[in-house]
Amino acid sequence: MLTIKGQNNSDGSFDWRNAFLDAGIMAALTFFTALGGLGATGAIAGREVLAAGIAAATEFFLTLAIKRGLREKPE
């Protein structure tokens, strides 16, 4: 289920399955949006596909970080 916050299983452990699914969905959206934008300009080649892949990987890990609540520990 797509939500900004991660969810826990009934035993209190983090629900990695749904977090990975949500991150994969967001990464795929980013990848195909980037390709669509580049395709609209007529510039699709190896570099552009690589750039879309990097954007998708960044989105994947960013989504996981947000769901896990990763943030700097206050001192």
C-alpha atoms as a PDB file:
ATOM      1  CA  MET A   1       0.000   0.000   0.000  1.00  0.00           C
ATOM      2  CA  LEU A   2       1.483   3.334  -1.031  1.00  0.00           C
ATOM      3  CA  THR A   3       1.920   5.510   2.036  1.00  0.00           C
ATOM      4  CA  ILE A   4       4.606   7.962   3.066  1.00  0.00           C
ATOM      5  CA  LYS A   5       5.136   6.123   6.358  1.00  0.00           C
ATOM      6  CA  GLY A   6       6.346   2.566   6.651  1.00  0.00           C
ATOM      7  CA  GLN A   7       4.169  -0.001   8.298  1.00  0.00           C
ATOM      8  CA  ASN A   8       4.863  -2.677  10.862  1.00  0.00           C
ATOM      9  CA  ASN A   9       3.755  -6.286  10.855  1.00  0.00           C
ATOM     10  CA  SER A  10       1.521  -7.617  13.611  1.00  0.00           C
ATOM     11  CA  ASP A  11       4.623  -8.770  15.526  1.00  0.00           C
ATOM     12  CA  GLY A  12       6.065  -5.221  15.455  1.00  0.00           C
ATOM     13  CA  SER A  13       8.752  -5.858  12.839  1.00  0.00           C
ATOM     14  CA  PHE A  14       9.081  -3.495   9.868  1.00  0.00           C
ATOM     15  CA  ASP A  15       7.052  -4.549   6.810  1.00  0.00           C
ATOM     16  CA  TRP A  16       9.858  -4.818   4.246  1.00  0.00           C
ATOM     17  CA  ARG A  17       7.694  -6.516   1.622  1.00  0.00           C
ATOM     18  CA  ASN A  18       5.318  -3.591   1.209  1.00  0.00           C
ATOM     19  CA  ALA A  19       8.166  -1.089   1.522  1.00  0.00           C
ATOM     20  CA  PHE A  20      10.031  -2.747  -1.383  1.00  0.00           C
ATOM     21  CA  LEU A  21       6.863  -2.939  -3.474  1.00  0.00           C
ATOM     22  CA  ASP A  22       6.102   0.737  -2.882  1.00  0.00           C
ATOM     23  CA  ALA A  23       9.701   1.731  -3.627  1.00  0.00           C
ATOM     24  CA  GLY A  24       9.626  -0.333  -6.832  1.00  0.00           C
ATOM     25  CA  ILE A  25       6.420   1.350  -7.972  1.00  0.00           C
ATOM     26  CA  MET A  26       7.846   4.807  -7.327  1.00  0.00           C
ATOM     27  CA  ALA A  27      11.125   3.928  -9.056  1.00  0.00           C
ATOM     28  CA  ALA A  28       9.292   2.613 -12.123  1.00  0.00           C
ATOM     29  CA  LEU A  29       7.220   5.793 -12.307  1.00  0.00           C
ATOM     30  CA  THR A  30      10.392   7.868 -12.125  1.00  0.00           C
ATOM     31  CA  PHE A  31      12.149   5.769 -14.767  1.00  0.00           C
ATOM     32  CA  PHE A  32       9.338   5.907 -17.297  1.00  0.00           C
ATOM     33  CA  THR A  33       8.608   9.580 -16.627  1.00  0.00           C
ATOM     34  CA  ALA A  34      12.259  10.407 -17.295  1.00  0.00           C
ATOM     35  CA  LEU A  35      12.231   8.336 -20.481  1.00  0.00           C
ATOM     36  CA  GLY A  36       8.983   9.963 -21.586  1.00  0.00           C
ATOM     37  CA  GLY A  37      10.411  13.433 -21.056  1.00  0.00           C
ATOM     38  CA  LEU A  38      13.588  12.587 -22.918  1.00  0.00           C
ATOM     39  CA  GLY A  39      11.594  10.918 -25.690  1.00  0.00           C
ATOM     40  CA  ALA A  40       9.553  14.081 -26.130  1.00  0.00           C
ATOM     41  CA  THR A  41      12.772  15.946 -26.933  1.00  0.00           C
ATOM     42  CA  GLY A  42      13.829  13.223 -29.357  1.00  0.00           C
ATOM     43  CA  ALA A  43      16.985  12.441 -27.427  1.00  0.00           C
ATOM     44  CA  ILE A  44      16.919   8.765 -26.465  1.00  0.00           C
ATOM     45  CA  ALA A  45      20.291   7.008 -26.447  1.00  0.00           C
ATOM     46  CA  GLY A  46      22.489   5.148 -24.001  1.00  0.00           C
ATOM     47  CA  ARG A  47      23.251   8.149 -21.800  1.00  0.00           C
ATOM     48  CA  GLU A  48      19.620   9.067 -21.459  1.00  0.00           C
ATOM     49  CA  VAL A  49      18.602   5.544 -20.446  1.00  0.00           C
ATOM     50  CA  LEU A  50      21.471   5.533 -17.932  1.00  0.00           C
ATOM     51  CA  ALA A  51      20.281   8.865 -16.523  1.00  0.00           C
ATOM     52  CA  ALA A  52      16.729   7.505 -16.181  1.00  0.00           C
ATOM     53  CA  GLY A  53      18.121   4.414 -14.433  1.00  0.00           C
ATOM     54  CA  ILE A  54      20.105   6.531 -11.984  1.00  0.00           C
ATOM     55  CA  ALA A  55      17.020   8.633 -11.245  1.00  0.00           C
ATOM     56  CA  ALA A  56      14.975   5.465 -10.663  1.00  0.00           C
ATOM     57  CA  ALA A  57      17.608   3.957  -8.345  1.00  0.00           C
ATOM     58  CA  THR A  58      17.764   7.199  -6.378  1.00  0.00           C
ATOM     59  CA  GLU A  59      13.970   7.239  -6.053  1.00  0.00           C
ATOM     60  CA  PHE A  60      13.953   3.586  -4.928  1.00  0.00           C
ATOM     61  CA  PHE A  61      16.400   4.127  -2.077  1.00  0.00           C
ATOM     62  CA  LEU A  62      14.922   7.504  -1.151  1.00  0.00           C
ATOM     63  CA  THR A  63      11.485   5.909  -0.781  1.00  0.00           C
ATOM     64  CA  LEU A  64      12.921   3.160   1.435  1.00  0.00           C
ATOM     65  CA  ALA A  65      14.733   5.745   3.563  1.00  0.00           C
ATOM     66  CA  ILE A  66      11.543   7.756   4.040  1.00  0.00           C
ATOM     67  CA  LYS A  67       9.525   4.659   4.937  1.00  0.00           C
ATOM     68  CA  ARG A  68      12.119   3.574   7.480  1.00  0.00           C
ATOM     69  CA  GLY A  69      12.090   7.039   9.002  1.00  0.00           C
ATOM     70  CA  LEU A  70      15.825   7.556   8.532  1.00  0.00           C
ATOM     71  CA  ARG A  71      16.820  10.916   9.902  1.00  0.00           C
ATOM     72  CA  GLU A  72      19.596  12.470  11.866  1.00  0.00           C
ATOM     73  CA  LYS A  73      19.550  11.573  15.537  1.00  0.00           C
ATOM     74  CA  PRO A  74      19.092  14.661  17.725  1.00  0.00           C
ATOM     75  CA  GLU A  75      21.938  15.302  20.125  1.00  0.00           C
END
